[in-house]
Amino acid sequence: MPTLLELAGLKVPKGLDGKSMVPLYDGEQKGSRKEVVVNSDGTVVQRMFVKDEYALVHTPARPVWDHIKEYELFNLSEDPDQTNDISREEKDKTSKMRIMLRDWEAKNLNGKPDPLWLSVYRGGWMWEALCRRLKPSELTAALRKHPELRRILTTKVQVSRLPVNQKLASLERAWRNFGQRQD
């Protein structure tokens, strides 16, 4: 976000996470980060931890993606498109990076619930889009196979009927409760 604000000529508010990458883009600064952590919750909720030439991808909830493992490791110098998971071959590296990711989470979350789990709890636009495309029999089969989908969809329907201030309070409660249950 700071990069986009700077490119747009806007002031970056204090307390906003991240750093502008404009000096790096302009060649005024060399990359200074030893590691990078990126969260995604568009189609699947994931956190990627990048250090040196490796990327560890953590996918905490995979209800309809049986082909995605909870932890996958990629060698970015040999596999920049991240198509070849090497976590089985590189068990020690995977284990070390999982520990580094946990350390990063402990340091940066500082005892607060992990916002990634809020994304898991509330689902995402993808869940609703998927359910709208399924035939009733397919939805029933999916709910039978993946019971957590029922909780996500029920929560979204219940929350969507509340006034805005109650929606926020409901999601914050869910976030706190879900954050306490993880691991």
N, C-alpha and C. Protein backbone atom coordinates (compact mmCIF):
# COMPACT_ATOMS: atom_id res chain seq x y z
N MET A 1 0.81 -1.20 0.00
CA MET A 1 0.00 0.00 0.00
C MET A 1 0.86 1.27 0.00
N PRO A 2 1.94 1.34 0.81
CA PRO A 2 2.76 2.55 0.77
C PRO A 2 3.33 2.83 -0.62
N THR A 3 3.67 1.78 -1.36
CA THR A 3 4.21 1.96 -2.72
C THR A 3 3.16 2.62 -3.61
N LEU A 4 1.93 2.11 -3.56
CA LEU A 4 0.86 2.67 -4.40
C LEU A 4 0.56 4.11 -4.03
N LEU A 5 0.52 4.40 -2.72
CA LEU A 5 0.25 5.77 -2.29
C LEU A 5 1.34 6.73 -2.78
N GLU A 6 2.61 6.31 -2.67
CA GLU A 6 3.70 7.17 -3.12
C GLU A 6 3.64 7.37 -4.63
N LEU A 7 3.37 6.31 -5.38
CA LEU A 7 3.26 6.44 -6.83
C LEU A 7 2.13 7.38 -7.23
N ALA A 8 1.06 7.40 -6.42
CA ALA A 8 -0.08 8.28 -6.69
C ALA A 8 0.16 9.70 -6.19
N GLY A 9 1.32 9.92 -5.54
CA GLY A 9 1.64 11.25 -5.04
C GLY A 9 0.94 11.59 -3.74
N LEU A 10 0.48 10.57 -3.02
CA LEU A 10 -0.23 10.80 -1.76
C LEU A 10 0.68 10.52 -0.57
N LYS A 11 0.38 11.16 0.54
CA LYS A 11 1.16 10.97 1.76
C LYS A 11 0.81 9.61 2.37
N VAL A 12 1.83 8.91 2.85
CA VAL A 12 1.62 7.61 3.48
C VAL A 12 1.30 7.86 4.96
N PRO A 13 0.11 7.44 5.42
CA PRO A 13 -0.27 7.67 6.83
C PRO A 13 0.65 6.92 7.79
N LYS A 14 0.91 7.52 8.94
CA LYS A 14 1.71 6.85 9.97
C LYS A 14 0.98 5.61 10.44
N GLY A 15 1.74 4.56 10.75
CA GLY A 15 1.16 3.34 11.28
C GLY A 15 0.71 2.34 10.23
N LEU A 16 0.80 2.72 8.95
CA LEU A 16 0.41 1.81 7.88
C LEU A 16 1.50 0.76 7.70
N ASP A 17 1.11 -0.49 7.63
CA ASP A 17 2.08 -1.57 7.45
C ASP A 17 2.78 -1.46 6.10
N GLY A 18 4.03 -1.89 6.07
CA GLY A 18 4.78 -1.97 4.82
C GLY A 18 5.66 -0.76 4.60
N LYS A 19 6.49 -0.88 3.55
CA LYS A 19 7.40 0.19 3.15
C LYS A 19 7.21 0.43 1.66
N SER A 20 7.40 1.68 1.27
CA SER A 20 7.33 1.99 -0.15
C SER A 20 8.51 1.34 -0.87
N MET A 21 8.22 0.76 -2.02
CA MET A 21 9.27 0.15 -2.83
C MET A 21 9.68 1.05 -3.99
N VAL A 22 9.22 2.30 -4.00
CA VAL A 22 9.55 3.23 -5.07
C VAL A 22 11.06 3.46 -5.16
N PRO A 23 11.78 3.69 -4.04
CA PRO A 23 13.24 3.87 -4.16
C PRO A 23 13.92 2.64 -4.76
N LEU A 24 13.45 1.48 -4.46
CA LEU A 24 14.01 0.25 -5.02
C LEU A 24 13.73 0.20 -6.53
N TYR A 25 12.51 0.52 -6.90
CA TYR A 25 12.09 0.53 -8.31
C TYR A 25 12.90 1.56 -9.10
N ASP A 26 13.13 2.71 -8.50
CA ASP A 26 13.87 3.78 -9.17
C ASP A 26 15.38 3.55 -9.19
N GLY A 27 15.84 2.47 -8.55
CA GLY A 27 17.27 2.16 -8.51
C GLY A 27 18.04 2.97 -7.50
N GLU A 28 17.34 3.68 -6.61
CA GLU A 28 17.99 4.51 -5.60
C GLU A 28 18.41 3.71 -4.37
N GLN A 29 17.91 2.51 -4.27
CA GLN A 29 18.16 1.70 -3.07
C GLN A 29 18.23 0.23 -3.49
N LYS A 30 19.10 -0.50 -2.82
CA LYS A 30 19.16 -1.94 -3.05
C LYS A 30 18.18 -2.61 -2.10
N GLY A 31 17.74 -3.79 -2.47
CA GLY A 31 16.84 -4.55 -1.60
C GLY A 31 17.49 -4.78 -0.24
N SER A 32 16.76 -4.51 0.82
CA SER A 32 17.35 -4.61 2.15
C SER A 32 16.67 -5.65 3.03
N ARG A 33 15.66 -6.30 2.51
CA ARG A 33 14.94 -7.26 3.34
C ARG A 33 15.59 -8.62 3.25
N LYS A 34 15.75 -9.24 4.41
CA LYS A 34 16.32 -10.58 4.45
C LYS A 34 15.24 -11.63 4.19
N GLU A 35 14.00 -11.24 4.48
CA GLU A 35 12.86 -12.15 4.30
C GLU A 35 11.62 -11.32 3.99
N VAL A 36 10.68 -11.96 3.32
CA VAL A 36 9.43 -11.28 2.95
C VAL A 36 8.28 -12.24 3.28
N VAL A 37 7.21 -11.67 3.82
CA VAL A 37 6.01 -12.45 4.12
C VAL A 37 4.84 -11.80 3.39
N VAL A 38 4.10 -12.62 2.65
CA VAL A 38 2.97 -12.12 1.86
C VAL A 38 1.74 -12.95 2.20
N ASN A 39 0.62 -12.28 2.45
CA ASN A 39 -0.65 -12.96 2.71
C ASN A 39 -1.56 -12.81 1.49
N SER A 40 -2.38 -13.82 1.25
CA SER A 40 -3.34 -13.79 0.17
C SER A 40 -4.63 -14.45 0.63
N ASP A 41 -5.76 -13.84 0.31
CA ASP A 41 -7.02 -14.49 0.65
C ASP A 41 -8.06 -14.32 -0.45
N GLY A 42 -7.58 -14.28 -1.70
CA GLY A 42 -8.50 -14.13 -2.82
C GLY A 42 -9.25 -15.41 -3.13
N THR A 43 -8.58 -16.39 -3.65
CA THR A 43 -9.24 -17.66 -3.97
C THR A 43 -8.90 -18.73 -2.96
N VAL A 44 -7.73 -18.66 -2.38
CA VAL A 44 -7.34 -19.58 -1.33
C VAL A 44 -6.54 -18.76 -0.32
N VAL A 45 -6.72 -19.06 0.96
CA VAL A 45 -6.04 -18.30 2.01
C VAL A 45 -4.65 -18.89 2.20
N GLN A 46 -3.62 -18.04 1.98
CA GLN A 46 -2.25 -18.51 2.08
C GLN A 46 -1.34 -17.43 2.67
N ARG A 47 -0.24 -17.90 3.23
CA ARG A 47 0.84 -17.00 3.65
C ARG A 47 2.12 -17.58 3.06
N MET A 48 2.89 -16.71 2.39
CA MET A 48 4.15 -17.15 1.80
C MET A 48 5.30 -16.46 2.53
N PHE A 49 6.27 -17.26 2.92
CA PHE A 49 7.48 -16.79 3.60
C PHE A 49 8.65 -17.01 2.65
N VAL A 50 9.29 -15.92 2.23
CA VAL A 50 10.39 -16.00 1.27
C VAL A 50 11.68 -15.60 1.97
N LYS A 51 12.67 -16.48 1.86
CA LYS A 51 14.00 -16.21 2.41
C LYS A 51 15.01 -16.83 1.46
N ASP A 52 16.01 -16.02 1.11
CA ASP A 52 17.00 -16.44 0.12
C ASP A 52 16.26 -16.85 -1.15
N GLU A 53 16.56 -18.01 -1.69
CA GLU A 53 15.89 -18.41 -2.94
C GLU A 53 14.71 -19.34 -2.71
N TYR A 54 14.26 -19.48 -1.45
CA TYR A 54 13.17 -20.41 -1.14
C TYR A 54 11.89 -19.68 -0.73
N ALA A 55 10.77 -20.28 -1.08
CA ALA A 55 9.47 -19.79 -0.65
C ALA A 55 8.71 -20.93 0.02
N LEU A 56 8.31 -20.71 1.26
CA LEU A 56 7.46 -21.66 1.97
C LEU A 56 6.04 -21.11 1.90
N VAL A 57 5.12 -21.90 1.38
CA VAL A 57 3.73 -21.47 1.26
C VAL A 57 2.89 -22.26 2.26
N HIS A 58 2.22 -21.53 3.16
CA HIS A 58 1.34 -22.16 4.16
C HIS A 58 -0.10 -21.89 3.76
N THR A 59 -0.85 -22.97 3.59
CA THR A 59 -2.26 -22.89 3.23
C THR A 59 -3.04 -23.53 4.38
N PRO A 60 -3.52 -22.73 5.35
CA PRO A 60 -4.12 -23.29 6.57
C PRO A 60 -5.44 -24.02 6.37
N ALA A 61 -6.22 -23.65 5.37
CA ALA A 61 -7.51 -24.30 5.13
C ALA A 61 -7.63 -24.58 3.65
N ARG A 62 -7.85 -25.83 3.30
CA ARG A 62 -7.89 -26.24 1.90
C ARG A 62 -9.12 -27.09 1.62
N PRO A 63 -10.31 -26.62 1.94
CA PRO A 63 -11.48 -27.49 1.86
C PRO A 63 -11.81 -28.05 0.49
N VAL A 64 -11.52 -27.35 -0.58
CA VAL A 64 -11.85 -27.89 -1.90
C VAL A 64 -10.63 -28.07 -2.79
N TRP A 65 -9.47 -27.84 -2.22
CA TRP A 65 -8.23 -27.99 -2.98
C TRP A 65 -7.41 -29.13 -2.39
N ASP A 66 -7.81 -30.34 -2.69
CA ASP A 66 -7.11 -31.51 -2.15
C ASP A 66 -5.68 -31.62 -2.67
N HIS A 67 -5.39 -31.00 -3.80
CA HIS A 67 -4.05 -31.09 -4.39
C HIS A 67 -3.04 -30.15 -3.72
N ILE A 68 -3.50 -29.23 -2.89
CA ILE A 68 -2.60 -28.29 -2.21
C ILE A 68 -2.32 -28.82 -0.81
N LYS A 69 -1.04 -28.94 -0.47
CA LYS A 69 -0.67 -29.39 0.87
C LYS A 69 -0.65 -28.18 1.81
N GLU A 70 -0.70 -28.46 3.11
CA GLU A 70 -0.69 -27.36 4.08
C GLU A 70 0.60 -26.55 3.96
N TYR A 71 1.73 -27.22 3.79
CA TYR A 71 3.01 -26.53 3.60
C TYR A 71 3.66 -27.03 2.32
N GLU A 72 4.08 -26.09 1.48
CA GLU A 72 4.78 -26.42 0.25
C GLU A 72 6.05 -25.56 0.20
N LEU A 73 7.11 -26.12 -0.34
CA LEU A 73 8.38 -25.42 -0.45
C LEU A 73 8.79 -25.34 -1.92
N PHE A 74 9.24 -24.16 -2.34
CA PHE A 74 9.65 -23.96 -3.72
C PHE A 74 11.03 -23.31 -3.76
N ASN A 75 11.87 -23.74 -4.69
CA ASN A 75 13.16 -23.11 -4.93
C ASN A 75 12.93 -22.10 -6.05
N LEU A 76 12.89 -20.83 -5.69
CA LEU A 76 12.52 -19.79 -6.66
C LEU A 76 13.56 -19.58 -7.75
N SER A 77 14.83 -19.88 -7.47
CA SER A 77 15.84 -19.70 -8.51
C SER A 77 15.70 -20.78 -9.59
N GLU A 78 15.26 -21.97 -9.21
CA GLU A 78 15.08 -23.06 -10.18
C GLU A 78 13.63 -23.18 -10.68
N ASP A 79 12.69 -22.67 -9.89
CA ASP A 79 11.27 -22.84 -10.18
C ASP A 79 10.51 -21.55 -9.87
N PRO A 80 10.75 -20.48 -10.64
CA PRO A 80 10.13 -19.18 -10.33
C PRO A 80 8.60 -19.19 -10.40
N ASP A 81 8.02 -20.13 -11.14
CA ASP A 81 6.56 -20.20 -11.25
C ASP A 81 5.93 -21.04 -10.15
N GLN A 82 6.75 -21.57 -9.27
CA GLN A 82 6.28 -22.37 -8.12
C GLN A 82 5.37 -23.52 -8.55
N THR A 83 5.87 -24.36 -9.43
CA THR A 83 5.09 -25.50 -9.89
C THR A 83 5.60 -26.83 -9.33
N ASN A 84 6.80 -26.83 -8.73
CA ASN A 84 7.40 -28.06 -8.25
C ASN A 84 7.64 -27.98 -6.74
N ASP A 85 6.73 -28.52 -5.97
CA ASP A 85 6.86 -28.55 -4.52
C ASP A 85 7.99 -29.51 -4.13
N ILE A 86 8.98 -28.99 -3.40
CA ILE A 86 10.13 -29.82 -3.02
C ILE A 86 10.14 -30.11 -1.51
N SER A 87 9.02 -29.92 -0.84
CA SER A 87 8.99 -30.09 0.62
C SER A 87 9.33 -31.51 1.05
N ARG A 88 8.98 -32.50 0.27
CA ARG A 88 9.31 -33.89 0.63
C ARG A 88 10.81 -34.16 0.50
N GLU A 89 11.39 -33.64 -0.58
CA GLU A 89 12.82 -33.85 -0.80
C GLU A 89 13.68 -33.02 0.14
N GLU A 90 13.18 -31.86 0.52
CA GLU A 90 13.92 -30.91 1.36
C GLU A 90 13.25 -30.78 2.74
N LYS A 91 13.13 -31.90 3.44
CA LYS A 91 12.42 -31.90 4.73
C LYS A 91 13.09 -31.00 5.76
N ASP A 92 14.41 -31.01 5.83
CA ASP A 92 15.11 -30.16 6.81
C ASP A 92 14.88 -28.68 6.51
N LYS A 93 15.01 -28.29 5.24
CA LYS A 93 14.79 -26.90 4.85
C LYS A 93 13.35 -26.49 5.13
N THR A 94 12.40 -27.38 4.83
CA THR A 94 10.99 -27.09 5.10
C THR A 94 10.76 -26.89 6.58
N SER A 95 11.31 -27.76 7.39
CA SER A 95 11.15 -27.66 8.84
C SER A 95 11.75 -26.37 9.38
N LYS A 96 12.94 -26.02 8.92
CA LYS A 96 13.59 -24.78 9.37
C LYS A 96 12.78 -23.55 8.96
N MET A 97 12.26 -23.55 7.76
CA MET A 97 11.48 -22.40 7.30
C MET A 97 10.14 -22.32 8.03
N ARG A 98 9.56 -23.46 8.38
CA ARG A 98 8.32 -23.43 9.18
C ARG A 98 8.59 -22.79 10.54
N ILE A 99 9.72 -23.11 11.14
CA ILE A 99 10.09 -22.52 12.43
C ILE A 99 10.32 -21.01 12.27
N MET A 100 11.01 -20.61 11.20
CA MET A 100 11.23 -19.18 10.95
C MET A 100 9.91 -18.45 10.74
N LEU A 101 8.98 -19.08 10.03
CA LEU A 101 7.67 -18.47 9.82
C LEU A 101 6.93 -18.33 11.15
N ARG A 102 6.96 -19.36 11.98
CA ARG A 102 6.32 -19.29 13.31
C ARG A 102 6.95 -18.17 14.14
N ASP A 103 8.28 -18.05 14.09
CA ASP A 103 8.96 -16.97 14.83
C ASP A 103 8.51 -15.61 14.32
N TRP A 104 8.39 -15.48 12.99
CA TRP A 104 7.94 -14.22 12.41
C TRP A 104 6.52 -13.90 12.89
N GLU A 105 5.65 -14.91 12.87
CA GLU A 105 4.26 -14.71 13.32
C GLU A 105 4.22 -14.29 14.79
N ALA A 106 5.01 -14.96 15.63
CA ALA A 106 5.03 -14.62 17.06
C ALA A 106 5.49 -13.18 17.27
N LYS A 107 6.52 -12.79 16.56
CA LYS A 107 7.07 -11.44 16.71
C LYS A 107 6.10 -10.38 16.18
N ASN A 108 5.54 -10.62 15.02
CA ASN A 108 4.73 -9.59 14.36
C ASN A 108 3.27 -9.56 14.81
N LEU A 109 2.75 -10.68 15.26
CA LEU A 109 1.36 -10.69 15.74
C LEU A 109 1.30 -10.28 17.21
N ASN A 110 2.40 -10.47 17.91
CA ASN A 110 2.52 -10.01 19.29
C ASN A 110 1.34 -10.45 20.17
N GLY A 111 0.95 -11.71 20.04
CA GLY A 111 -0.13 -12.26 20.87
C GLY A 111 -1.53 -11.98 20.36
N LYS A 112 -1.67 -11.22 19.28
CA LYS A 112 -2.99 -10.92 18.72
C LYS A 112 -3.41 -12.06 17.80
N PRO A 113 -4.71 -12.21 17.57
CA PRO A 113 -5.17 -13.24 16.62
C PRO A 113 -4.60 -12.98 15.23
N ASP A 114 -4.34 -14.04 14.53
CA ASP A 114 -3.76 -13.96 13.19
C ASP A 114 -4.86 -13.57 12.19
N PRO A 115 -4.71 -12.44 11.49
CA PRO A 115 -5.74 -12.02 10.54
C PRO A 115 -5.95 -13.02 9.40
N LEU A 116 -4.95 -13.86 9.15
CA LEU A 116 -5.12 -14.89 8.12
C LEU A 116 -6.24 -15.84 8.50
N TRP A 117 -6.36 -16.13 9.81
CA TRP A 117 -7.42 -17.03 10.26
C TRP A 117 -8.79 -16.38 10.17
N LEU A 118 -8.84 -15.04 10.27
CA LEU A 118 -10.11 -14.35 10.05
C LEU A 118 -10.57 -14.59 8.62
N SER A 119 -9.63 -14.53 7.69
CA SER A 119 -9.97 -14.80 6.29
C SER A 119 -10.48 -16.23 6.11
N VAL A 120 -9.84 -17.17 6.80
CA VAL A 120 -10.30 -18.56 6.74
C VAL A 120 -11.71 -18.66 7.30
N TYR A 121 -11.93 -18.01 8.44
CA TYR A 121 -13.22 -18.11 9.13
C TYR A 121 -14.36 -17.52 8.31
N ARG A 122 -14.11 -16.35 7.73
CA ARG A 122 -15.20 -15.69 7.02
C ARG A 122 -15.34 -16.17 5.58
N GLY A 123 -14.40 -17.01 5.15
CA GLY A 123 -14.49 -17.50 3.78
C GLY A 123 -13.89 -16.48 2.84
N GLY A 124 -14.63 -16.06 1.90
CA GLY A 124 -14.15 -15.09 0.93
C GLY A 124 -15.12 -15.06 -0.22
N TRP A 125 -14.89 -14.18 -1.15
CA TRP A 125 -15.81 -14.06 -2.28
C TRP A 125 -15.86 -15.36 -3.06
N MET A 126 -14.77 -16.10 -3.04
CA MET A 126 -14.69 -17.34 -3.80
C MET A 126 -15.71 -18.37 -3.34
N TRP A 127 -15.94 -18.46 -2.01
CA TRP A 127 -16.89 -19.45 -1.49
C TRP A 127 -18.28 -19.19 -2.04
N GLU A 128 -18.69 -17.94 -1.98
CA GLU A 128 -20.03 -17.60 -2.45
C GLU A 128 -20.15 -17.85 -3.96
N ALA A 129 -19.14 -17.45 -4.70
CA ALA A 129 -19.17 -17.65 -6.15
C ALA A 129 -19.23 -19.14 -6.49
N LEU A 130 -18.44 -19.93 -5.78
CA LEU A 130 -18.45 -21.37 -6.01
C LEU A 130 -19.84 -21.95 -5.74
N CYS A 131 -20.43 -21.58 -4.62
CA CYS A 131 -21.73 -22.15 -4.24
C CYS A 131 -22.84 -21.72 -5.20
N ARG A 132 -22.73 -20.53 -5.77
CA ARG A 132 -23.74 -20.09 -6.74
C ARG A 132 -23.66 -20.90 -8.03
N ARG A 133 -22.48 -21.43 -8.35
CA ARG A 133 -22.29 -22.17 -9.59
C ARG A 133 -22.65 -23.66 -9.46
N LEU A 134 -22.67 -24.15 -8.24
CA LEU A 134 -22.94 -25.58 -8.04
C LEU A 134 -24.43 -25.88 -8.16
N LYS A 135 -24.73 -27.05 -8.68
CA LYS A 135 -26.11 -27.55 -8.67
C LYS A 135 -26.42 -27.95 -7.23
N PRO A 136 -27.70 -27.97 -6.83
CA PRO A 136 -28.03 -28.34 -5.46
C PRO A 136 -27.40 -29.67 -5.02
N SER A 137 -27.38 -30.66 -5.89
CA SER A 137 -26.79 -31.95 -5.53
C SER A 137 -25.28 -31.83 -5.33
N GLU A 138 -24.62 -30.99 -6.14
CA GLU A 138 -23.18 -30.78 -5.99
C GLU A 138 -22.86 -30.04 -4.70
N LEU A 139 -23.70 -29.04 -4.36
CA LEU A 139 -23.50 -28.31 -3.11
C LEU A 139 -23.69 -29.23 -1.91
N THR A 140 -24.71 -30.06 -1.95
CA THR A 140 -24.95 -31.02 -0.87
C THR A 140 -23.75 -31.95 -0.71
N ALA A 141 -23.23 -32.45 -1.81
CA ALA A 141 -22.06 -33.34 -1.76
C ALA A 141 -20.83 -32.60 -1.21
N ALA A 142 -20.64 -31.36 -1.63
CA ALA A 142 -19.50 -30.57 -1.14
C ALA A 142 -19.62 -30.32 0.37
N LEU A 143 -20.83 -30.02 0.84
CA LEU A 143 -21.03 -29.78 2.26
C LEU A 143 -20.83 -31.06 3.08
N ARG A 144 -21.19 -32.17 2.50
CA ARG A 144 -20.98 -33.46 3.17
C ARG A 144 -19.48 -33.77 3.28
N LYS A 145 -18.77 -33.52 2.19
CA LYS A 145 -17.33 -33.83 2.15
C LYS A 145 -16.52 -32.82 2.97
N HIS A 146 -16.94 -31.55 2.99
CA HIS A 146 -16.21 -30.48 3.66
C HIS A 146 -17.15 -29.73 4.62
N PRO A 147 -17.38 -30.26 5.82
CA PRO A 147 -18.34 -29.65 6.75
C PRO A 147 -18.00 -28.20 7.12
N GLU A 148 -16.72 -27.82 7.03
CA GLU A 148 -16.35 -26.44 7.39
C GLU A 148 -16.97 -25.43 6.43
N LEU A 149 -17.33 -25.84 5.23
CA LEU A 149 -18.01 -24.94 4.30
C LEU A 149 -19.36 -24.48 4.86
N ARG A 150 -20.06 -25.39 5.53
CA ARG A 150 -21.36 -25.03 6.10
C ARG A 150 -21.20 -23.91 7.13
N ARG A 151 -20.19 -24.03 7.99
CA ARG A 151 -19.94 -23.00 9.00
C ARG A 151 -19.62 -21.67 8.33
N ILE A 152 -18.76 -21.70 7.32
CA ILE A 152 -18.36 -20.47 6.63
C ILE A 152 -19.57 -19.82 5.96
N LEU A 153 -20.35 -20.61 5.23
CA LEU A 153 -21.51 -20.06 4.52
C LEU A 153 -22.59 -19.59 5.48
N THR A 154 -22.82 -20.34 6.55
CA THR A 154 -23.82 -19.94 7.54
C THR A 154 -23.41 -18.64 8.20
N THR A 155 -22.14 -18.53 8.56
CA THR A 155 -21.64 -17.30 9.18
C THR A 155 -21.82 -16.13 8.24
N LYS A 156 -21.48 -16.31 6.96
CA LYS A 156 -21.61 -15.22 5.99
C LYS A 156 -23.06 -14.77 5.86
N VAL A 157 -24.00 -15.72 5.83
CA VAL A 157 -25.42 -15.36 5.70
C VAL A 157 -25.89 -14.64 6.96
N GLN A 158 -25.54 -15.19 8.14
CA GLN A 158 -25.96 -14.55 9.39
C GLN A 158 -25.39 -13.15 9.51
N VAL A 159 -24.11 -12.99 9.20
CA VAL A 159 -23.46 -11.69 9.32
C VAL A 159 -24.00 -10.72 8.29
N SER A 160 -24.32 -11.20 7.07
CA SER A 160 -24.78 -10.30 6.02
C SER A 160 -26.13 -9.67 6.35
N ARG A 161 -26.89 -10.26 7.26
CA ARG A 161 -28.21 -9.72 7.63
C ARG A 161 -28.13 -8.68 8.74
N LEU A 162 -26.96 -8.49 9.34
CA LEU A 162 -26.82 -7.56 10.46
C LEU A 162 -26.54 -6.15 9.97
N PRO A 163 -26.90 -5.12 10.80
CA PRO A 163 -26.46 -3.76 10.48
C PRO A 163 -24.92 -3.71 10.50
N VAL A 164 -24.34 -2.73 9.83
CA VAL A 164 -22.89 -2.65 9.65
C VAL A 164 -22.14 -2.73 10.97
N ASN A 165 -22.54 -1.98 12.00
CA ASN A 165 -21.78 -1.98 13.25
C ASN A 165 -21.84 -3.35 13.92
N GLN A 166 -22.96 -4.06 13.80
CA GLN A 166 -23.05 -5.41 14.36
C GLN A 166 -22.26 -6.41 13.53
N LYS A 167 -22.18 -6.19 12.20
CA LYS A 167 -21.36 -7.06 11.35
C LYS A 167 -19.92 -7.02 11.81
N LEU A 168 -19.41 -5.80 12.02
CA LEU A 168 -18.01 -5.65 12.43
C LEU A 168 -17.77 -6.31 13.78
N ALA A 169 -18.68 -6.09 14.73
CA ALA A 169 -18.53 -6.69 16.05
C ALA A 169 -18.58 -8.22 15.95
N SER A 170 -19.48 -8.73 15.12
CA SER A 170 -19.60 -10.17 14.95
C SER A 170 -18.33 -10.76 14.34
N LEU A 171 -17.77 -10.11 13.32
CA LEU A 171 -16.54 -10.61 12.71
C LEU A 171 -15.37 -10.51 13.68
N GLU A 172 -15.31 -9.43 14.47
CA GLU A 172 -14.23 -9.30 15.45
C GLU A 172 -14.31 -10.41 16.50
N ARG A 173 -15.53 -10.72 16.96
CA ARG A 173 -15.70 -11.83 17.92
C ARG A 173 -15.26 -13.14 17.31
N ALA A 174 -15.70 -13.38 16.07
CA ALA A 174 -15.33 -14.61 15.38
C ALA A 174 -13.81 -14.69 15.23
N TRP A 175 -13.19 -13.57 14.91
CA TRP A 175 -11.74 -13.53 14.74
C TRP A 175 -11.05 -13.89 16.04
N ARG A 176 -11.47 -13.27 17.14
CA ARG A 176 -10.86 -13.57 18.45
C ARG A 176 -11.05 -15.04 18.80
N ASN A 177 -12.27 -15.54 18.65
CA ASN A 177 -12.55 -16.94 19.01
C ASN A 177 -11.76 -17.89 18.12
N PHE A 178 -11.73 -17.61 16.82
CA PHE A 178 -11.03 -18.51 15.91
C PHE A 178 -9.53 -18.44 16.16
N GLY A 179 -9.00 -17.26 16.43
CA GLY A 179 -7.58 -17.11 16.71
C GLY A 179 -7.15 -17.89 17.95
N GLN A 180 -8.04 -18.01 18.93
CA GLN A 180 -7.72 -18.76 20.15
C GLN A 180 -7.72 -20.25 19.90
N ARG A 181 -8.47 -20.71 18.87
CA ARG A 181 -8.58 -22.14 18.61
C ARG A 181 -7.47 -22.67 17.72
N GLN A 182 -6.80 -21.79 16.99
CA GLN A 182 -5.81 -22.30 16.04
C GLN A 182 -4.64 -22.95 16.77
N ASP A 183 -4.08 -23.97 16.15
CA ASP A 183 -2.98 -24.76 16.68
C ASP A 183 -3.30 -25.18 18.08
